Amino acid sequence: LPSLPGEKLRNYDPNWYRLYFLENGNFNRRSGLSK
C-alpha cells in the first residue's frame, strides 16, 4: 500500500532543543504530506 499523507509525522515528537531552535514550521518539506 502507498504511504498515507502525514504518515512520517504521525509519531513526530521533537525534544525541547529541536522545538525551540530548529523547528520552523515548514512541514510541507517533509515527505508524506499531500501538497
PDB file of all heavy atoms in Angstrom:
ATOM      1  N   LEU A   1       0.833  -1.196   0.000  1.00  0.00           N
ATOM      2  CA  LEU A   1       0.000   0.000   0.000  1.00  0.00           C
ATOM      3  C   LEU A   1       0.867   1.245   0.000  1.00  0.00           C
ATOM      4  O   LEU A   1       1.955   1.258   0.607  1.00  0.00           O
ATOM      5  CB  LEU A   1      -0.915   0.008   1.227  1.00  0.00           C
ATOM      6  CG  LEU A   1      -1.934  -1.133   1.318  1.00  0.00           C
ATOM      7  CD1 LEU A   1      -2.729  -1.020   2.608  1.00  0.00           C
ATOM      8  CD2 LEU A   1      -2.870  -1.130   0.114  1.00  0.00           C
ATOM      9  N   PRO A   2       0.424   2.305  -0.663  1.00  0.00           N
ATOM     10  CA  PRO A   2       1.208   3.551  -0.636  1.00  0.00           C
ATOM     11  C   PRO A   2       1.147   4.192   0.741  1.00  0.00           C
ATOM     12  O   PRO A   2       0.218   3.969   1.527  1.00  0.00           O
ATOM     13  CB  PRO A   2       0.512   4.417  -1.694  1.00  0.00           C
ATOM     14  CG  PRO A   2      -0.882   3.882  -1.766  1.00  0.00           C
ATOM     15  CD  PRO A   2      -0.782   2.410  -1.513  1.00  0.00           C
ATOM     16  N   SER A   3       2.164   4.994   1.036  1.00  0.00           N
ATOM     17  CA  SER A   3       2.208   5.673   2.329  1.00  0.00           C
ATOM     18  C   SER A   3       1.115   6.729   2.398  1.00  0.00           C
ATOM     19  O   SER A   3       0.817   7.420   1.418  1.00  0.00           O
ATOM     20  CB  SER A   3       3.575   6.323   2.535  1.00  0.00           C
ATOM     21  OG  SER A   3       3.837   7.260   1.501  1.00  0.00           O
ATOM     22  N   LEU A   4       0.513   6.849   3.562  1.00  0.00           N
ATOM     23  CA  LEU A   4      -0.569   7.808   3.758  1.00  0.00           C
ATOM     24  C   LEU A   4       0.005   9.199   3.983  1.00  0.00           C
ATOM     25  O   LEU A   4       1.133   9.349   4.460  1.00  0.00           O
ATOM     26  CB  LEU A   4      -1.417   7.392   4.961  1.00  0.00           C
ATOM     27  CG  LEU A   4      -2.122   6.042   4.843  1.00  0.00           C
ATOM     28  CD1 LEU A   4      -2.868   5.731   6.124  1.00  0.00           C
ATOM     29  CD2 LEU A   4      -3.073   6.031   3.657  1.00  0.00           C
ATOM     30  N   PRO A   5      -0.761  10.238   3.637  1.00  0.00           N
ATOM     31  CA  PRO A   5      -0.275  11.600   3.883  1.00  0.00           C
ATOM     32  C   PRO A   5      -0.023  11.833   5.369  1.00  0.00           C
ATOM     33  O   PRO A   5      -0.862  11.541   6.215  1.00  0.00           O
ATOM     34  CB  PRO A   5      -1.416  12.485   3.359  1.00  0.00           C
ATOM     35  CG  PRO A   5      -2.155  11.631   2.393  1.00  0.00           C
ATOM     36  CD  PRO A   5      -2.041  10.231   2.906  1.00  0.00           C
ATOM     37  N   GLY A   6       1.145  12.376   5.658  1.00  0.00           N
ATOM     38  CA  GLY A   6       1.497  12.674   7.038  1.00  0.00           C
ATOM     39  C   GLY A   6       1.907  11.475   7.865  1.00  0.00           C
ATOM     40  O   GLY A   6       2.008  11.572   9.081  1.00  0.00           O
ATOM     41  N   GLU A   7       2.149  10.324   7.201  1.00  0.00           N
ATOM     42  CA  GLU A   7       2.490   9.118   7.957  1.00  0.00           C
ATOM     43  C   GLU A   7       3.799   9.285   8.736  1.00  0.00           C
ATOM     44  O   GLU A   7       3.922   8.821   9.867  1.00  0.00           O
ATOM     45  CB  GLU A   7       2.582   7.935   6.986  1.00  0.00           C
ATOM     46  CG  GLU A   7       2.837   6.599   7.649  1.00  0.00           C
ATOM     47  CD  GLU A   7       1.675   6.112   8.486  1.00  0.00           C
ATOM     48  OE1 GLU A   7       0.542   6.591   8.240  1.00  0.00           O
ATOM     49  OE2 GLU A   7       1.892   5.282   9.374  1.00  0.00           O
ATOM     50  N   LYS A   8       4.779   9.989   8.122  1.00  0.00           N
ATOM     51  CA  LYS A   8       6.064  10.169   8.797  1.00  0.00           C
ATOM     52  C   LYS A   8       6.002  11.194   9.919  1.00  0.00           C
ATOM     53  O   LYS A   8       6.922  11.285  10.729  1.00  0.00           O
ATOM     54  CB  LYS A   8       7.126  10.569   7.780  1.00  0.00           C
ATOM     55  CG  LYS A   8       7.430   9.470   6.763  1.00  0.00           C
ATOM     56  CD  LYS A   8       8.602   9.838   5.884  1.00  0.00           C
ATOM     57  CE  LYS A   8       8.940   8.699   4.924  1.00  0.00           C
ATOM     58  NZ  LYS A   8      10.104   9.014   4.062  1.00  0.00           N
ATOM     59  N   LEU A   9       4.927  11.964   9.962  1.00  0.00           N
ATOM     60  CA  LEU A   9       4.779  12.945  11.039  1.00  0.00           C
ATOM     61  C   LEU A   9       3.852  12.451  12.138  1.00  0.00           C
ATOM     62  O   LEU A   9       3.606  13.176  13.103  1.00  0.00           O
ATOM     63  CB  LEU A   9       4.226  14.263  10.479  1.00  0.00           C
ATOM     64  CG  LEU A   9       5.131  15.012   9.487  1.00  0.00           C
ATOM     65  CD1 LEU A   9       4.415  16.221   8.945  1.00  0.00           C
ATOM     66  CD2 LEU A   9       6.442  15.402  10.147  1.00  0.00           C
ATOM     67  N   ARG A  10       3.331  11.226  11.979  1.00  0.00           N
ATOM     68  CA  ARG A  10       2.377  10.730  12.971  1.00  0.00           C
ATOM     69  C   ARG A  10       3.028  10.587  14.341  1.00  0.00           C
ATOM     70  O   ARG A  10       2.411  10.885  15.366  1.00  0.00           O
ATOM     71  CB  ARG A  10       1.796   9.400  12.497  1.00  0.00           C
ATOM     72  CG  ARG A  10       0.723   8.823  13.393  1.00  0.00           C
ATOM     73  CD  ARG A  10      -0.014   7.702  12.676  1.00  0.00           C
ATOM     74  NE  ARG A  10       0.880   6.644  12.247  1.00  0.00           N
ATOM     75  CZ  ARG A  10       1.169   5.565  12.986  1.00  0.00           C
ATOM     76  NH1 ARG A  10       0.634   5.435  14.181  1.00  0.00           N
ATOM     77  NH2 ARG A  10       1.979   4.642  12.532  1.00  0.00           N
ATOM     78  N   ASN A  11       4.249  10.140  14.364  1.00  0.00           N
ATOM     79  CA  ASN A  11       4.969   9.969  15.627  1.00  0.00           C
ATOM     80  C   ASN A  11       6.036  11.037  15.817  1.00  0.00           C
ATOM     81  O   ASN A  11       7.023  10.822  16.523  1.00  0.00           O
ATOM     82  CB  ASN A  11       5.609   8.572  15.675  1.00  0.00           C
ATOM     83  CG  ASN A  11       4.569   7.465  15.653  1.00  0.00           C
ATOM     84  OD1 ASN A  11       3.502   7.593  16.253  1.00  0.00           O
ATOM     85  ND2 ASN A  11       4.873   6.375  14.945  1.00  0.00           N
ATOM     86  N   TYR A  12       5.851  12.189  15.172  1.00  0.00           N
ATOM     87  CA  TYR A  12       6.832  13.273  15.292  1.00  0.00           C
ATOM     88  C   TYR A  12       6.750  13.888  16.691  1.00  0.00           C
ATOM     89  O   TYR A  12       5.717  14.440  17.077  1.00  0.00           O
ATOM     90  CB  TYR A  12       6.555  14.324  14.213  1.00  0.00           C
ATOM     91  CG  TYR A  12       7.477  15.523  14.270  1.00  0.00           C
ATOM     92  CD1 TYR A  12       8.834  15.379  14.026  1.00  0.00           C
ATOM     93  CD2 TYR A  12       6.983  16.782  14.567  1.00  0.00           C
ATOM     94  CE1 TYR A  12       9.685  16.477  14.069  1.00  0.00           C
ATOM     95  CE2 TYR A  12       7.810  17.880  14.606  1.00  0.00           C
ATOM     96  CZ  TYR A  12       9.162  17.718  14.358  1.00  0.00           C
ATOM     97  OH  TYR A  12      10.004  18.802  14.417  1.00  0.00           O
ATOM     98  N   ASP A  13       7.832  13.772  17.448  1.00  0.00           N
ATOM     99  CA  ASP A  13       7.868  14.263  18.831  1.00  0.00           C
ATOM    100  C   ASP A  13       9.242  14.869  19.097  1.00  0.00           C
ATOM    101  O   ASP A  13      10.146  14.221  19.645  1.00  0.00           O
ATOM    102  CB  ASP A  13       7.580  13.119  19.799  1.00  0.00           C
ATOM    103  CG  ASP A  13       7.449  13.605  21.240  1.00  0.00           C
ATOM    104  OD1 ASP A  13       7.275  14.828  21.429  1.00  0.00           O
ATOM    105  OD2 ASP A  13       7.529  12.769  22.156  1.00  0.00           O
ATOM    106  N   PRO A  14       9.446  16.116  18.668  1.00  0.00           N
ATOM    107  CA  PRO A  14      10.781  16.719  18.857  1.00  0.00           C
ATOM    108  C   PRO A  14      11.038  17.046  20.322  1.00  0.00           C
ATOM    109  O   PRO A  14      10.119  17.306  21.103  1.00  0.00           O
ATOM    110  CB  PRO A  14      10.706  17.978  18.002  1.00  0.00           C
ATOM    111  CG  PRO A  14       9.251  18.344  18.011  1.00  0.00           C
ATOM    112  CD  PRO A  14       8.507  17.043  18.049  1.00  0.00           C
ATOM    113  N   ASN A  15      12.311  17.050  20.669  1.00  0.00           N
ATOM    114  CA  ASN A  15      12.679  17.453  22.025  1.00  0.00           C
ATOM    115  C   ASN A  15      12.639  18.971  22.149  1.00  0.00           C
ATOM    116  O   ASN A  15      12.433  19.700  21.173  1.00  0.00           O
ATOM    117  CB  ASN A  15      14.058  16.889  22.385  1.00  0.00           C
ATOM    118  CG  ASN A  15      15.120  17.278  21.364  1.00  0.00           C
ATOM    119  OD1 ASN A  15      15.048  18.357  20.772  1.00  0.00           O
ATOM    120  ND2 ASN A  15      16.093  16.401  21.155  1.00  0.00           N
ATOM    121  N   TRP A  16      12.885  19.444  23.364  1.00  0.00           N
ATOM    122  CA  TRP A  16      12.740  20.878  23.596  1.00  0.00           C
ATOM    123  C   TRP A  16      13.760  21.669  22.805  1.00  0.00           C
ATOM    124  O   TRP A  16      13.453  22.730  22.261  1.00  0.00           O
ATOM    125  CB  TRP A  16      12.911  21.157  25.094  1.00  0.00           C
ATOM    126  CG  TRP A  16      12.669  22.610  25.442  1.00  0.00           C
ATOM    127  CD1 TRP A  16      11.498  23.188  25.782  1.00  0.00           C
ATOM    128  CD2 TRP A  16      13.656  23.665  25.434  1.00  0.00           C
ATOM    129  NE1 TRP A  16      11.655  24.528  25.993  1.00  0.00           N
ATOM    130  CE2 TRP A  16      12.992  24.850  25.780  1.00  0.00           C
ATOM    131  CE3 TRP A  16      15.026  23.698  25.164  1.00  0.00           C
ATOM    132  CZ2 TRP A  16      13.653  26.066  25.878  1.00  0.00           C
ATOM    133  CZ3 TRP A  16      15.677  24.919  25.255  1.00  0.00           C
ATOM    134  CH2 TRP A  16      15.005  26.094  25.611  1.00  0.00           C
ATOM    135  N   TYR A  17      14.988  21.143  22.705  1.00  0.00           N
ATOM    136  CA  TYR A  17      16.033  21.868  21.977  1.00  0.00           C
ATOM    137  C   TYR A  17      15.651  22.001  20.505  1.00  0.00           C
ATOM    138  O   TYR A  17      15.774  23.084  19.929  1.00  0.00           O
ATOM    139  CB  TYR A  17      17.362  21.119  22.125  1.00  0.00           C
ATOM    140  CG  TYR A  17      18.470  21.674  21.260  1.00  0.00           C
ATOM    141  CD1 TYR A  17      19.192  22.800  21.653  1.00  0.00           C
ATOM    142  CD2 TYR A  17      18.769  21.083  20.028  1.00  0.00           C
ATOM    143  CE1 TYR A  17      20.201  23.317  20.848  1.00  0.00           C
ATOM    144  CE2 TYR A  17      19.767  21.598  19.215  1.00  0.00           C
ATOM    145  CZ  TYR A  17      20.493  22.711  19.635  1.00  0.00           C
ATOM    146  OH  TYR A  17      21.473  23.220  18.828  1.00  0.00           O
ATOM    147  N   ARG A  18      15.205  20.926  19.883  1.00  0.00           N
ATOM    148  CA  ARG A  18      14.826  20.986  18.469  1.00  0.00           C
ATOM    149  C   ARG A  18      13.596  21.869  18.262  1.00  0.00           C
ATOM    150  O   ARG A  18      13.509  22.618  17.286  1.00  0.00           O
ATOM    151  CB  ARG A  18      14.538  19.573  17.952  1.00  0.00           C
ATOM    152  CG  ARG A  18      14.118  19.536  16.485  1.00  0.00           C
ATOM    153  CD  ARG A  18      13.868  18.128  16.013  1.00  0.00           C
ATOM    154  NE  ARG A  18      13.439  18.113  14.630  1.00  0.00           N
ATOM    155  CZ  ARG A  18      14.261  18.145  13.579  1.00  0.00           C
ATOM    156  NH1 ARG A  18      15.577  18.178  13.799  1.00  0.00           N
ATOM    157  NH2 ARG A  18      13.800  18.144  12.349  1.00  0.00           N
ATOM    158  N   LEU A  19      12.643  21.779  19.176  1.00  0.00           N
ATOM    159  CA  LEU A  19      11.439  22.582  19.060  1.00  0.00           C
ATOM    160  C   LEU A  19      11.738  24.069  19.157  1.00  0.00           C
ATOM    161  O   LEU A  19      11.146  24.885  18.440  1.00  0.00           O
ATOM    162  CB  LEU A  19      10.432  22.160  20.136  1.00  0.00           C
ATOM    163  CG  LEU A  19       9.092  22.897  20.150  1.00  0.00           C
ATOM    164  CD1 LEU A  19       8.301  22.580  18.881  1.00  0.00           C
ATOM    165  CD2 LEU A  19       8.278  22.513  21.378  1.00  0.00           C
ATOM    166  N   TYR A  20      12.682  24.423  20.013  1.00  0.00           N
ATOM    167  CA  TYR A  20      12.942  25.845  20.261  1.00  0.00           C
ATOM    168  C   TYR A  20      13.887  26.450  19.227  1.00  0.00           C
ATOM    169  O   TYR A  20      13.661  27.566  18.752  1.00  0.00           O
ATOM    170  CB  TYR A  20      13.516  26.031  21.663  1.00  0.00           C
ATOM    171  CG  TYR A  20      13.672  27.485  22.076  1.00  0.00           C
ATOM    172  CD1 TYR A  20      12.570  28.230  22.482  1.00  0.00           C
ATOM    173  CD2 TYR A  20      14.918  28.107  22.045  1.00  0.00           C
ATOM    174  CE1 TYR A  20      12.705  29.553  22.844  1.00  0.00           C
ATOM    175  CE2 TYR A  20      15.062  29.434  22.408  1.00  0.00           C
ATOM    176  CZ  TYR A  20      13.959  30.161  22.808  1.00  0.00           C
ATOM    177  OH  TYR A  20      14.101  31.469  23.169  1.00  0.00           O
ATOM    178  N   PHE A  21      14.931  25.699  18.831  1.00  0.00           N
ATOM    179  CA  PHE A  21      15.956  26.276  17.984  1.00  0.00           C
ATOM    180  C   PHE A  21      15.836  25.896  16.506  1.00  0.00           C
ATOM    181  O   PHE A  21      16.243  26.664  15.636  1.00  0.00           O
ATOM    182  CB  PHE A  21      17.358  25.845  18.485  1.00  0.00           C
ATOM    183  CG  PHE A  21      17.733  26.469  19.797  1.00  0.00           C
ATOM    184  CD1 PHE A  21      17.616  25.745  20.962  1.00  0.00           C
ATOM    185  CD2 PHE A  21      18.195  27.779  19.865  1.00  0.00           C
ATOM    186  CE1 PHE A  21      17.961  26.300  22.175  1.00  0.00           C
ATOM    187  CE2 PHE A  21      18.535  28.340  21.087  1.00  0.00           C
ATOM    188  CZ  PHE A  21      18.412  27.605  22.243  1.00  0.00           C
ATOM    189  N   LEU A  22      15.298  24.727  16.199  1.00  0.00           N
ATOM    190  CA  LEU A  22      15.349  24.239  14.825  1.00  0.00           C
ATOM    191  C   LEU A  22      13.993  24.169  14.126  1.00  0.00           C
ATOM    192  O   LEU A  22      13.945  24.179  12.902  1.00  0.00           O
ATOM    193  CB  LEU A  22      15.987  22.829  14.796  1.00  0.00           C
ATOM    194  CG  LEU A  22      17.406  22.735  15.343  1.00  0.00           C
ATOM    195  CD1 LEU A  22      17.897  21.301  15.279  1.00  0.00           C
ATOM    196  CD2 LEU A  22      18.341  23.659  14.566  1.00  0.00           C
ATOM    197  N   GLU A  23      12.931  24.069  14.891  1.00  0.00           N
ATOM    198  CA  GLU A  23      11.624  23.927  14.249  1.00  0.00           C
ATOM    199  C   GLU A  23      11.187  25.255  13.635  1.00  0.00           C
ATOM    200  O   GLU A  23      11.109  26.279  14.325  1.00  0.00           O
ATOM    201  CB  GLU A  23      10.586  23.451  15.259  1.00  0.00           C
ATOM    202  CG  GLU A  23       9.222  23.172  14.640  1.00  0.00           C
ATOM    203  CD  GLU A  23       9.307  22.152  13.540  1.00  0.00           C
ATOM    204  OE1 GLU A  23       9.570  20.975  13.849  1.00  0.00           O
ATOM    205  OE2 GLU A  23       9.133  22.537  12.370  1.00  0.00           O
ATOM    206  N   ASN A  24      10.923  25.233  12.299  1.00  0.00           N
ATOM    207  CA  ASN A  24      10.484  26.447  11.601  1.00  0.00           C
ATOM    208  C   ASN A  24       9.071  26.350  11.059  1.00  0.00           C
ATOM    209  O   ASN A  24       8.586  27.250  10.372  1.00  0.00           O
ATOM    210  CB  ASN A  24      11.450  26.781  10.469  1.00  0.00           C
ATOM    211  CG  ASN A  24      11.582  25.646   9.471  1.00  0.00           C
ATOM    212  OD1 ASN A  24      10.887  24.635   9.594  1.00  0.00           O
ATOM    213  ND2 ASN A  24      12.474  25.802   8.510  1.00  0.00           N
ATOM    214  N   GLY A  25       8.388  25.218  11.315  1.00  0.00           N
ATOM    215  CA  GLY A  25       7.005  25.072  10.885  1.00  0.00           C
ATOM    216  C   GLY A  25       6.817  24.746   9.419  1.00  0.00           C
ATOM    217  O   GLY A  25       5.687  24.737   8.931  1.00  0.00           O
ATOM    218  N   ASN A  26       7.895  24.449   8.682  1.00  0.00           N
ATOM    219  CA  ASN A  26       7.775  24.107   7.262  1.00  0.00           C
ATOM    220  C   ASN A  26       7.567  22.607   7.127  1.00  0.00           C
ATOM    221  O   ASN A  26       8.461  21.853   6.748  1.00  0.00           O
ATOM    222  CB  ASN A  26       9.037  24.557   6.518  1.00  0.00           C
ATOM    223  CG  ASN A  26       8.860  24.488   5.013  1.00  0.00           C
ATOM    224  OD1 ASN A  26       7.759  24.214   4.525  1.00  0.00           O
ATOM    225  ND2 ASN A  26       9.924  24.743   4.281  1.00  0.00           N
ATOM    226  N   PHE A  27       6.351  22.152   7.435  1.00  0.00           N
ATOM    227  CA  PHE A  27       6.063  20.715   7.421  1.00  0.00           C
ATOM    228  C   PHE A  27       5.895  20.169   6.004  1.00  0.00           C
ATOM    229  O   PHE A  27       5.975  18.966   5.796  1.00  0.00           O
ATOM    230  CB  PHE A  27       4.798  20.422   8.229  1.00  0.00           C
ATOM    231  CG  PHE A  27       4.919  20.795   9.677  1.00  0.00           C
ATOM    232  CD1 PHE A  27       4.307  21.935  10.161  1.00  0.00           C
ATOM    233  CD2 PHE A  27       5.665  20.031  10.542  1.00  0.00           C
ATOM    234  CE1 PHE A  27       4.416  22.290  11.484  1.00  0.00           C
ATOM    235  CE2 PHE A  27       5.788  20.373  11.880  1.00  0.00           C
ATOM    236  CZ  PHE A  27       5.163  21.508  12.355  1.00  0.00           C
ATOM    237  N   ASN A  28       5.644  21.034   5.024  1.00  0.00           N
ATOM    238  CA  ASN A  28       5.441  20.532   3.668  1.00  0.00           C
ATOM    239  C   ASN A  28       6.709  19.929   3.077  1.00  0.00           C
ATOM    240  O   ASN A  28       6.642  19.149   2.129  1.00  0.00           O
ATOM    241  CB  ASN A  28       4.946  21.661   2.759  1.00  0.00           C
ATOM    242  CG  ASN A  28       3.519  22.057   3.069  1.00  0.00           C
ATOM    243  OD1 ASN A  28       2.756  21.258   3.577  1.00  0.00           O
ATOM    244  ND2 ASN A  28       3.184  23.297   2.780  1.00  0.00           N
ATOM    245  N   ARG A  29       7.862  20.281   3.605  1.00  0.00           N
ATOM    246  CA  ARG A  29       9.112  19.758   3.059  1.00  0.00           C
ATOM    247  C   ARG A  29       9.367  18.334   3.516  1.00  0.00           C
ATOM    248  O   ARG A  29      10.212  17.648   2.963  1.00  0.00           O
ATOM    249  CB  ARG A  29      10.269  20.658   3.467  1.00  0.00           C
ATOM    250  CG  ARG A  29      10.142  22.095   2.971  1.00  0.00           C
ATOM    251  CD  ARG A  29      11.370  22.902   3.257  1.00  0.00           C
ATOM    252  NE  ARG A  29      12.548  22.324   2.605  1.00  0.00           N
ATOM    253  CZ  ARG A  29      13.784  22.838   2.711  1.00  0.00           C
ATOM    254  NH1 ARG A  29      13.973  23.932   3.423  1.00  0.00           N
ATOM    255  NH2 ARG A  29      14.802  22.262   2.109  1.00  0.00           N
ATOM    256  N   ARG A  30       8.649  17.882   4.518  1.00  0.00           N
ATOM    257  CA  ARG A  30       8.800  16.501   4.965  1.00  0.00           C
ATOM    258  C   ARG A  30       7.915  15.612   4.090  1.00  0.00           C
ATOM    259  O   ARG A  30       6.741  15.886   3.880  1.00  0.00           O
ATOM    260  CB  ARG A  30       8.417  16.357   6.436  1.00  0.00           C
ATOM    261  CG  ARG A  30       9.344  17.151   7.360  1.00  0.00           C
ATOM    262  CD  ARG A  30       9.004  16.871   8.817  1.00  0.00           C
ATOM    263  NE  ARG A  30       9.959  17.515   9.713  1.00  0.00           N
ATOM    264  CZ  ARG A  30       9.822  18.726  10.204  1.00  0.00           C
ATOM    265  NH1 ARG A  30       8.753  19.415   9.909  1.00  0.00           N
ATOM    266  NH2 ARG A  30      10.737  19.240  11.000  1.00  0.00           N
ATOM    267  N   SER A  31       8.506  14.554   3.582  1.00  0.00           N
ATOM    268  CA  SER A  31       7.778  13.682   2.663  1.00  0.00           C
ATOM    269  C   SER A  31       6.605  13.028   3.374  1.00  0.00           C
ATOM    270  O   SER A  31       6.638  12.752   4.567  1.00  0.00           O
ATOM    271  CB  SER A  31       8.716  12.612   2.109  1.00  0.00           C
ATOM    272  OG  SER A  31       9.243  11.820   3.158  1.00  0.00           O
ATOM    273  N   GLY A  32       5.579  12.747   2.596  1.00  0.00           N
ATOM    274  CA  GLY A  32       4.402  12.072   3.129  1.00  0.00           C
ATOM    275  C   GLY A  32       3.189  12.952   3.208  1.00  0.00           C
ATOM    276  O   GLY A  32       2.081  12.462   3.353  1.00  0.00           O
ATOM    277  N   LEU A  33       3.357  14.274   3.085  1.00  0.00           N
ATOM    278  CA  LEU A  33       2.211  15.171   3.152  1.00  0.00           C
ATOM    279  C   LEU A  33       1.685  15.451   1.756  1.00  0.00           C
ATOM    280  O   LEU A  33       2.447  15.581   0.795  1.00  0.00           O
ATOM    281  CB  LEU A  33       2.602  16.493   3.818  1.00  0.00           C
ATOM    282  CG  LEU A  33       2.735  16.481   5.349  1.00  0.00           C
ATOM    283  CD1 LEU A  33       3.143  17.848   5.832  1.00  0.00           C
ATOM    284  CD2 LEU A  33       1.443  16.060   5.997  1.00  0.00           C
ATOM    285  N   SER A  34       0.381  15.552   1.640  1.00  0.00           N
ATOM    286  CA  SER A  34      -0.215  15.930   0.367  1.00  0.00           C
ATOM    287  C   SER A  34       0.036  17.407   0.126  1.00  0.00           C
ATOM    288  O   SER A  34      -0.024  18.224   1.041  1.00  0.00           O
ATOM    289  CB  SER A  34      -1.722  15.648   0.377  1.00  0.00           C
ATOM    290  OG  SER A  34      -1.958  14.272   0.556  1.00  0.00           O
ATOM    291  N   LYS A  35       0.311  17.721  -1.107  1.00  0.00           N
ATOM    292  CA  LYS A  35       0.581  19.119  -1.460  1.00  0.00           C
ATOM    293  C   LYS A  35      -0.491  19.628  -2.390  1.00  0.00           C
ATOM    294  O   LYS A  35      -1.091  18.889  -3.116  1.00  0.00           O
ATOM    295  CB  LYS A  35       1.958  19.232  -2.131  1.00  0.00           C
ATOM    296  CG  LYS A  35       3.101  18.825  -1.206  1.00  0.00           C
ATOM    297  CD  LYS A  35       4.431  18.976  -1.897  1.00  0.00           C
ATOM    298  CE  LYS A  35       5.584  18.565  -0.990  1.00  0.00           C
ATOM    299  NZ  LYS A  35       6.887  18.697  -1.636  1.00  0.00           N
TER     300      LYS A  35
END
